[in-house]
Amino acid sequence: DAHLRTLAYRRAVTRLYNHRVRHRHVKMGGLVLRKAEVSDPTRSRGKLAPNWEGPYRVVEVVRDGTYTLAIMEGQVLPRT
């Protein structure tokens, strides 16, 4: 009985999450911002530093949610 309630709860939470979240589909050539944590994981610039960097151009869509980025001049960024 408890197991069934847990499964029902998980289904309800999943349905609520899927209803509220917006999936973003970025196309090649689109402009995006990158989270600043990627280039500065230790946050050594302090808490008042900008949270986002960019804009960057999407060069390649590797898979859903994973992209290869380049700066506006065309240089491809490593590990993006």
PDB file of N, CA and C in Angstrom:
ATOM      1  N   ASP A   1       0.828  -1.194   0.000  1.00  0.00           N
ATOM      2  CA  ASP A   1       0.000   0.000   0.000  1.00  0.00           C
ATOM      3  C   ASP A   1       0.874   1.261   0.000  1.00  0.00           C
ATOM      4  N   ALA A   2       1.905   1.285   0.818  1.00  0.00           N
ATOM      5  CA  ALA A   2       2.797   2.445   0.859  1.00  0.00           C
ATOM      6  C   ALA A   2       3.546   2.590  -0.466  1.00  0.00           C
ATOM      7  N   HIS A   3       3.904   1.474  -1.054  1.00  0.00           N
ATOM      8  CA  HIS A   3       4.605   1.496  -2.336  1.00  0.00           C
ATOM      9  C   HIS A   3       3.725   2.113  -3.427  1.00  0.00           C
ATOM     10  N   LEU A   4       2.461   1.782  -3.438  1.00  0.00           N
ATOM     11  CA  LEU A   4       1.536   2.341  -4.433  1.00  0.00           C
ATOM     12  C   LEU A   4       1.359   3.848  -4.239  1.00  0.00           C
ATOM     13  N   ARG A   5       1.288   4.285  -2.990  1.00  0.00           N
ATOM     14  CA  ARG A   5       1.180   5.719  -2.724  1.00  0.00           C
ATOM     15  C   ARG A   5       2.438   6.462  -3.177  1.00  0.00           C
ATOM     16  N   THR A   6       3.599   5.838  -2.957  1.00  0.00           N
ATOM     17  CA  THR A   6       4.854   6.443  -3.396  1.00  0.00           C
ATOM     18  C   THR A   6       4.892   6.577  -4.915  1.00  0.00           C
ATOM     19  N   LEU A   7       4.462   5.543  -5.626  1.00  0.00           N
ATOM     20  CA  LEU A   7       4.423   5.608  -7.086  1.00  0.00           C
ATOM     21  C   LEU A   7       3.452   6.678  -7.572  1.00  0.00           C
ATOM     22  N   ALA A   8       2.300   6.781  -6.933  1.00  0.00           N
ATOM     23  CA  ALA A   8       1.322   7.802  -7.314  1.00  0.00           C
ATOM     24  C   ALA A   8       1.877   9.198  -7.052  1.00  0.00           C
ATOM     25  N   TYR A   9       2.575   9.371  -5.950  1.00  0.00           N
ATOM     26  CA  TYR A   9       3.176  10.660  -5.626  1.00  0.00           C
ATOM     27  C   TYR A   9       4.233  11.037  -6.663  1.00  0.00           C
ATOM     28  N   ARG A  10       5.080  10.076  -7.029  1.00  0.00           N
ATOM     29  CA  ARG A  10       6.118  10.336  -8.030  1.00  0.00           C
ATOM     30  C   ARG A  10       5.506  10.721  -9.373  1.00  0.00           C
ATOM     31  N   ARG A  11       4.436  10.051  -9.755  1.00  0.00           N
ATOM     32  CA  ARG A  11       3.751  10.389 -11.010  1.00  0.00           C
ATOM     33  C   ARG A  11       3.196  11.809 -10.945  1.00  0.00           C
ATOM     34  N   ALA A  12       2.624  12.179  -9.808  1.00  0.00           N
ATOM     35  CA  ALA A  12       2.059  13.520  -9.655  1.00  0.00           C
ATOM     36  C   ALA A  12       3.154  14.585  -9.718  1.00  0.00           C
ATOM     37  N   VAL A  13       4.273  14.342  -9.063  1.00  0.00           N
ATOM     38  CA  VAL A  13       5.384  15.294  -9.077  1.00  0.00           C
ATOM     39  C   VAL A  13       5.956  15.413 -10.491  1.00  0.00           C
ATOM     40  N   THR A  14       6.093  14.296 -11.181  1.00  0.00           N
ATOM     41  CA  THR A  14       6.590  14.310 -12.556  1.00  0.00           C
ATOM     42  C   THR A  14       5.659  15.088 -13.466  1.00  0.00           C
ATOM     43  N   ARG A  15       4.374  14.876 -13.329  1.00  0.00           N
ATOM     44  CA  ARG A  15       3.387  15.576 -14.153  1.00  0.00           C
ATOM     45  C   ARG A  15       3.441  17.080 -13.877  1.00  0.00           C
ATOM     46  N   LEU A  16       3.552  17.473 -12.616  1.00  0.00           N
ATOM     47  CA  LEU A  16       3.636  18.884 -12.256  1.00  0.00           C
ATOM     48  C   LEU A  16       4.907  19.522 -12.824  1.00  0.00           C
ATOM     49  N   TYR A  17       6.030  18.827 -12.705  1.00  0.00           N
ATOM     50  CA  TYR A  17       7.292  19.344 -13.237  1.00  0.00           C
ATOM     51  C   TYR A  17       7.207  19.517 -14.750  1.00  0.00           C
ATOM     52  N   ASN A  18       6.737  18.492 -15.447  1.00  0.00           N
ATOM     53  CA  ASN A  18       6.650  18.548 -16.908  1.00  0.00           C
ATOM     54  C   ASN A  18       5.680  19.623 -17.374  1.00  0.00           C
ATOM     55  N   HIS A  19       4.686  19.930 -16.575  1.00  0.00           N
ATOM     56  CA  HIS A  19       3.725  20.967 -16.932  1.00  0.00           C
ATOM     57  C   HIS A  19       4.339  22.361 -16.797  1.00  0.00           C
ATOM     58  N   ARG A  20       5.205  22.550 -15.815  1.00  0.00           N
ATOM     59  CA  ARG A  20       5.758  23.877 -15.526  1.00  0.00           C
ATOM     60  C   ARG A  20       7.042  24.196 -16.284  1.00  0.00           C
ATOM     61  N   VAL A  21       7.853  23.195 -16.569  1.00  0.00           N
ATOM     62  CA  VAL A  21       9.156  23.460 -17.185  1.00  0.00           C
ATOM     63  C   VAL A  21       8.974  23.721 -18.682  1.00  0.00           C
ATOM     64  N   ARG A  22       9.778  24.659 -19.198  1.00  0.00           N
ATOM     65  CA  ARG A  22       9.766  24.955 -20.631  1.00  0.00           C
ATOM     66  C   ARG A  22      11.042  24.398 -21.247  1.00  0.00           C
ATOM     67  N   HIS A  23      10.891  23.509 -22.176  1.00  0.00           N
ATOM     68  CA  HIS A  23      12.048  22.955 -22.866  1.00  0.00           C
ATOM     69  C   HIS A  23      12.479  23.936 -23.946  1.00  0.00           C
ATOM     70  N   ARG A  24      13.753  24.289 -23.933  1.00  0.00           N
ATOM     71  CA  ARG A  24      14.277  25.246 -24.903  1.00  0.00           C
ATOM     72  C   ARG A  24      14.986  24.490 -26.017  1.00  0.00           C
ATOM     73  N   HIS A  25      14.637  24.800 -27.229  1.00  0.00           N
ATOM     74  CA  HIS A  25      15.278  24.194 -28.386  1.00  0.00           C
ATOM     75  C   HIS A  25      16.075  25.283 -29.091  1.00  0.00           C
ATOM     76  N   VAL A  26      17.390  25.123 -29.101  1.00  0.00           N
ATOM     77  CA  VAL A  26      18.277  26.110 -29.692  1.00  0.00           C
ATOM     78  C   VAL A  26      18.747  25.572 -31.035  1.00  0.00           C
ATOM     79  N   LYS A  27      18.679  26.404 -32.061  1.00  0.00           N
ATOM     80  CA  LYS A  27      19.083  25.991 -33.400  1.00  0.00           C
ATOM     81  C   LYS A  27      20.505  26.460 -33.685  1.00  0.00           C
ATOM     82  N   MET A  28      21.129  25.832 -34.683  1.00  0.00           N
ATOM     83  CA  MET A  28      22.461  26.250 -35.109  1.00  0.00           C
ATOM     84  C   MET A  28      22.405  27.701 -35.568  1.00  0.00           C
ATOM     85  N   GLY A  29      23.403  28.466 -35.167  1.00  0.00           N
ATOM     86  CA  GLY A  29      23.452  29.876 -35.520  1.00  0.00           C
ATOM     87  C   GLY A  29      22.763  30.775 -34.515  1.00  0.00           C
ATOM     88  N   GLY A  30      22.042  30.187 -33.563  1.00  0.00           N
ATOM     89  CA  GLY A  30      21.346  30.964 -32.552  1.00  0.00           C
ATOM     90  C   GLY A  30      22.313  31.561 -31.541  1.00  0.00           C
ATOM     91  N   LEU A  31      21.884  32.627 -30.898  1.00  0.00           N
ATOM     92  CA  LEU A  31      22.696  33.271 -29.870  1.00  0.00           C
ATOM     93  C   LEU A  31      22.239  32.810 -28.495  1.00  0.00           C
ATOM     94  N   VAL A  32      23.201  32.483 -27.635  1.00  0.00           N
ATOM     95  CA  VAL A  32      22.897  31.990 -26.293  1.00  0.00           C
ATOM     96  C   VAL A  32      23.831  32.648 -25.286  1.00  0.00           C
ATOM     97  N   LEU A  33      23.452  32.579 -24.025  1.00  0.00           N
ATOM     98  CA  LEU A  33      24.318  32.965 -22.915  1.00  0.00           C
ATOM     99  C   LEU A  33      24.803  31.698 -22.230  1.00  0.00           C
ATOM    100  N   ARG A  34      25.976  31.757 -21.618  1.00  0.00           N
ATOM    101  CA  ARG A  34      26.538  30.606 -20.925  1.00  0.00           C
ATOM    102  C   ARG A  34      26.666  30.939 -19.446  1.00  0.00           C
ATOM    103  N   LYS A  35      26.316  29.985 -18.593  1.00  0.00           N
ATOM    104  CA  LYS A  35      26.429  30.162 -17.149  1.00  0.00           C
ATOM    105  C   LYS A  35      27.889  30.407 -16.786  1.00  0.00           C
ATOM    106  N   ALA A  36      28.167  31.403 -15.974  1.00  0.00           N
ATOM    107  CA  ALA A  36      29.540  31.791 -15.636  1.00  0.00           C
ATOM    108  C   ALA A  36      30.258  30.724 -14.816  1.00  0.00           C
ATOM    109  N   GLU A  37      29.534  29.807 -14.195  1.00  0.00           N
ATOM    110  CA  GLU A  37      30.161  28.743 -13.405  1.00  0.00           C
ATOM    111  C   GLU A  37      31.032  27.847 -14.267  1.00  0.00           C
ATOM    112  N   VAL A  38      30.740  27.774 -15.553  1.00  0.00           N
ATOM    113  CA  VAL A  38      31.501  26.910 -16.448  1.00  0.00           C
ATOM    114  C   VAL A  38      32.939  27.390 -16.563  1.00  0.00           C
ATOM    115  N   SER A  39      33.139  28.689 -16.704  1.00  0.00           N
ATOM    116  CA  SER A  39      34.489  29.219 -16.866  1.00  0.00           C
ATOM    117  C   SER A  39      35.167  29.521 -15.533  1.00  0.00           C
ATOM    118  N   ASP A  40      34.412  29.621 -14.453  1.00  0.00           N
ATOM    119  CA  ASP A  40      34.970  29.937 -13.137  1.00  0.00           C
ATOM    120  C   ASP A  40      34.262  29.094 -12.077  1.00  0.00           C
ATOM    121  N   PRO A  41      34.548  27.777 -12.017  1.00  0.00           N
ATOM    122  CA  PRO A  41      33.811  26.905 -11.094  1.00  0.00           C
ATOM    123  C   PRO A  41      34.035  27.224  -9.619  1.00  0.00           C
ATOM    124  N   THR A  42      35.147  27.867  -9.270  1.00  0.00           N
ATOM    125  CA  THR A  42      35.419  28.172  -7.862  1.00  0.00           C
ATOM    126  C   THR A  42      34.824  29.506  -7.440  1.00  0.00           C
ATOM    127  N   ARG A  43      34.227  30.237  -8.389  1.00  0.00           N
ATOM    128  CA  ARG A  43      33.640  31.562  -8.130  1.00  0.00           C
ATOM    129  C   ARG A  43      34.665  32.488  -7.488  1.00  0.00           C
ATOM    130  N   SER A  44      35.895  32.466  -8.002  1.00  0.00           N
ATOM    131  CA  SER A  44      36.959  33.299  -7.443  1.00  0.00           C
ATOM    132  C   SER A  44      36.742  34.784  -7.730  1.00  0.00           C
ATOM    133  N   ARG A  45      35.822  35.112  -8.645  1.00  0.00           N
ATOM    134  CA  ARG A  45      35.549  36.520  -8.945  1.00  0.00           C
ATOM    135  C   ARG A  45      34.579  37.137  -7.946  1.00  0.00           C
ATOM    136  N   GLY A  46      34.047  36.351  -7.035  1.00  0.00           N
ATOM    137  CA  GLY A  46      33.165  36.888  -6.008  1.00  0.00           C
ATOM    138  C   GLY A  46      31.697  36.751  -6.355  1.00  0.00           C
ATOM    139  N   LYS A  47      30.854  36.967  -5.362  1.00  0.00           N
ATOM    140  CA  LYS A  47      29.424  36.742  -5.543  1.00  0.00           C
ATOM    141  C   LYS A  47      28.735  37.854  -6.323  1.00  0.00           C
ATOM    142  N   LEU A  48      29.393  38.976  -6.510  1.00  0.00           N
ATOM    143  CA  LEU A  48      28.793  40.068  -7.269  1.00  0.00           C
ATOM    144  C   LEU A  48      29.151  40.020  -8.752  1.00  0.00           C
ATOM    145  N   ALA A  49      29.905  39.010  -9.153  1.00  0.00           N
ATOM    146  CA  ALA A  49      30.259  38.853 -10.565  1.00  0.00           C
ATOM    147  C   ALA A  49      29.014  38.453 -11.359  1.00  0.00           C
ATOM    148  N   PRO A  50      28.991  38.727 -12.648  1.00  0.00           N
ATOM    149  CA  PRO A  50      27.832  38.345 -13.469  1.00  0.00           C
ATOM    150  C   PRO A  50      27.608  36.834 -13.461  1.00  0.00           C
ATOM    151  N   ASN A  51      26.348  36.427 -13.506  1.00  0.00           N
ATOM    152  CA  ASN A  51      26.009  35.007 -13.518  1.00  0.00           C
ATOM    153  C   ASN A  51      26.072  34.403 -14.912  1.00  0.00           C
ATOM    154  N   TRP A  52      26.022  35.242 -15.939  1.00  0.00           N
ATOM    155  CA  TRP A  52      25.975  34.765 -17.322  1.00  0.00           C
ATOM    156  C   TRP A  52      27.058  35.433 -18.147  1.00  0.00           C
ATOM    157  N   GLU A  53      27.570  34.712 -19.154  1.00  0.00           N
ATOM    158  CA  GLU A  53      28.567  35.230 -20.084  1.00  0.00           C
ATOM    159  C   GLU A  53      28.009  35.138 -21.499  1.00  0.00           C
ATOM    160  N   GLY A  54      28.482  36.016 -22.359  1.00  0.00           N
ATOM    161  CA  GLY A  54      28.057  35.877 -23.745  1.00  0.00           C
ATOM    162  C   GLY A  54      27.732  37.208 -24.349  1.00  0.00           C
ATOM    163  N   PRO A  55      27.146  37.219 -25.485  1.00  0.00           N
ATOM    164  CA  PRO A  55      26.490  36.108 -26.186  1.00  0.00           C
ATOM    165  C   PRO A  55      27.488  35.237 -26.956  1.00  0.00           C
ATOM    166  N   TYR A  56      27.098  33.988 -27.165  1.00  0.00           N
ATOM    167  CA  TYR A  56      27.851  33.033 -27.961  1.00  0.00           C
ATOM    168  C   TYR A  56      26.947  32.532 -29.080  1.00  0.00           C
ATOM    169  N   ARG A  57      27.578  32.102 -30.166  1.00  0.00           N
ATOM    170  CA  ARG A  57      26.830  31.552 -31.290  1.00  0.00           C
ATOM    171  C   ARG A  57      26.906  30.026 -31.234  1.00  0.00           C
ATOM    172  N   VAL A  58      25.778  29.353 -31.472  1.00  0.00           N
ATOM    173  CA  VAL A  58      25.732  27.891 -31.499  1.00  0.00           C
ATOM    174  C   VAL A  58      26.286  27.434 -32.845  1.00  0.00           C
ATOM    175  N   VAL A  59      27.388  26.663 -32.794  1.00  0.00           N
ATOM    176  CA  VAL A  59      28.035  26.172 -34.006  1.00  0.00           C
ATOM    177  C   VAL A  59      27.498  24.800 -34.383  1.00  0.00           C
ATOM    178  N   GLU A  60      27.239  23.962 -33.367  1.00  0.00           N
ATOM    179  CA  GLU A  60      26.802  22.588 -33.620  1.00  0.00           C
ATOM    180  C   GLU A  60      25.890  22.146 -32.490  1.00  0.00           C
ATOM    181  N   VAL A  61      24.855  21.404 -32.839  1.00  0.00           N
ATOM    182  CA  VAL A  61      24.001  20.769 -31.842  1.00  0.00           C
ATOM    183  C   VAL A  61      24.495  19.338 -31.714  1.00  0.00           C
ATOM    184  N   VAL A  62      25.171  19.023 -30.590  1.00  0.00           N
ATOM    185  CA  VAL A  62      25.740  17.693 -30.389  1.00  0.00           C
ATOM    186  C   VAL A  62      24.624  16.702 -30.104  1.00  0.00           C
ATOM    187  N   ARG A  63      23.790  17.015 -29.148  1.00  0.00           N
ATOM    188  CA  ARG A  63      22.563  16.266 -28.847  1.00  0.00           C
ATOM    189  C   ARG A  63      21.652  17.221 -28.098  1.00  0.00           C
ATOM    190  N   ASP A  64      20.485  16.775 -27.740  1.00  0.00           N
ATOM    191  CA  ASP A  64      19.514  17.654 -27.103  1.00  0.00           C
ATOM    192  C   ASP A  64      20.082  18.209 -25.799  1.00  0.00           C
ATOM    193  N   GLY A  65      20.269  19.514 -25.733  1.00  0.00           N
ATOM    194  CA  GLY A  65      20.789  20.160 -24.537  1.00  0.00           C
ATOM    195  C   GLY A  65      22.297  20.312 -24.506  1.00  0.00           C
ATOM    196  N   THR A  66      23.011  19.814 -25.531  1.00  0.00           N
ATOM    197  CA  THR A  66      24.462  19.915 -25.588  1.00  0.00           C
ATOM    198  C   THR A  66      24.856  20.581 -26.900  1.00  0.00           C
ATOM    199  N   TYR A  67      25.655  21.650 -26.797  1.00  0.00           N
ATOM    200  CA  TYR A  67      25.972  22.449 -27.972  1.00  0.00           C
ATOM    201  C   TYR A  67      27.454  22.778 -28.002  1.00  0.00           C
ATOM    202  N   THR A  68      27.979  23.010 -29.194  1.00  0.00           N
ATOM    203  CA  THR A  68      29.310  23.563 -29.370  1.00  0.00           C
ATOM    204  C   THR A  68      29.134  25.049 -29.622  1.00  0.00           C
ATOM    205  N   LEU A  69      29.843  25.872 -28.828  1.00  0.00           N
ATOM    206  CA  LEU A  69      29.677  27.320 -28.895  1.00  0.00           C
ATOM    207  C   LEU A  69      30.925  27.983 -29.458  1.00  0.00           C
ATOM    208  N   ALA A  70      30.721  29.161 -30.032  1.00  0.00           N
ATOM    209  CA  ALA A  70      31.828  29.975 -30.527  1.00  0.00           C
ATOM    210  C   ALA A  70      31.573  31.417 -30.127  1.00  0.00           C
ATOM    211  N   ILE A  71      32.668  32.160 -29.937  1.00  0.00           N
ATOM    212  CA  ILE A  71      32.505  33.585 -29.670  1.00  0.00           C
ATOM    213  C   ILE A  71      32.038  34.253 -30.959  1.00  0.00           C
ATOM    214  N   MET A  72      31.628  35.488 -30.883  1.00  0.00           N
ATOM    215  CA  MET A  72      31.044  36.168 -32.033  1.00  0.00           C
ATOM    216  C   MET A  72      32.033  36.309 -33.193  1.00  0.00           C
ATOM    217  N   GLU A  73      33.337  36.315 -32.914  1.00  0.00           N
ATOM    218  CA  GLU A  73      34.339  36.417 -33.976  1.00  0.00           C
ATOM    219  C   GLU A  73      34.560  35.090 -34.682  1.00  0.00           C
ATOM    220  N   GLY A  74      34.018  33.987 -34.140  1.00  0.00           N
ATOM    221  CA  GLY A  74      34.099  32.691 -34.808  1.00  0.00           C
ATOM    222  C   GLY A  74      34.962  31.652 -34.130  1.00  0.00           C
ATOM    223  N   GLN A  75      35.737  32.014 -33.107  1.00  0.00           N
ATOM    224  CA  GLN A  75      36.605  31.052 -32.429  1.00  0.00           C
ATOM    225  C   GLN A  75      35.764  30.110 -31.576  1.00  0.00           C
ATOM    226  N   VAL A  76      35.935  28.790 -31.790  1.00  0.00           N
ATOM    227  CA  VAL A  76      35.156  27.783 -31.071  1.00  0.00           C
ATOM    228  C   VAL A  76      35.682  27.652 -29.650  1.00  0.00           C
ATOM    229  N   LEU A  77      34.772  27.578 -28.684  1.00  0.00           N
ATOM    230  CA  LEU A  77      35.145  27.425 -27.278  1.00  0.00           C
ATOM    231  C   LEU A  77      35.350  25.953 -26.956  1.00  0.00           C
ATOM    232  N   PRO A  78      36.358  25.620 -26.165  1.00  0.00           N
ATOM    233  CA  PRO A  78      36.545  24.227 -25.764  1.00  0.00           C
ATOM    234  C   PRO A  78      35.536  23.828 -24.681  1.00  0.00           C
ATOM    235  N   ARG A  79      35.134  22.586 -24.697  1.00  0.00           N
ATOM    236  CA  ARG A  79      34.282  21.976 -23.652  1.00  0.00           C
ATOM    237  C   ARG A  79      32.980  22.725 -23.413  1.00  0.00           C
ATOM    238  N   THR A  80      32.236  23.034 -24.464  1.00  0.00           N
ATOM    239  CA  THR A  80      30.936  23.681 -24.284  1.00  0.00           C
ATOM    240  C   THR A  80      29.847  22.825 -24.876  1.00  0.00           C
TER     241      THR A  80
END
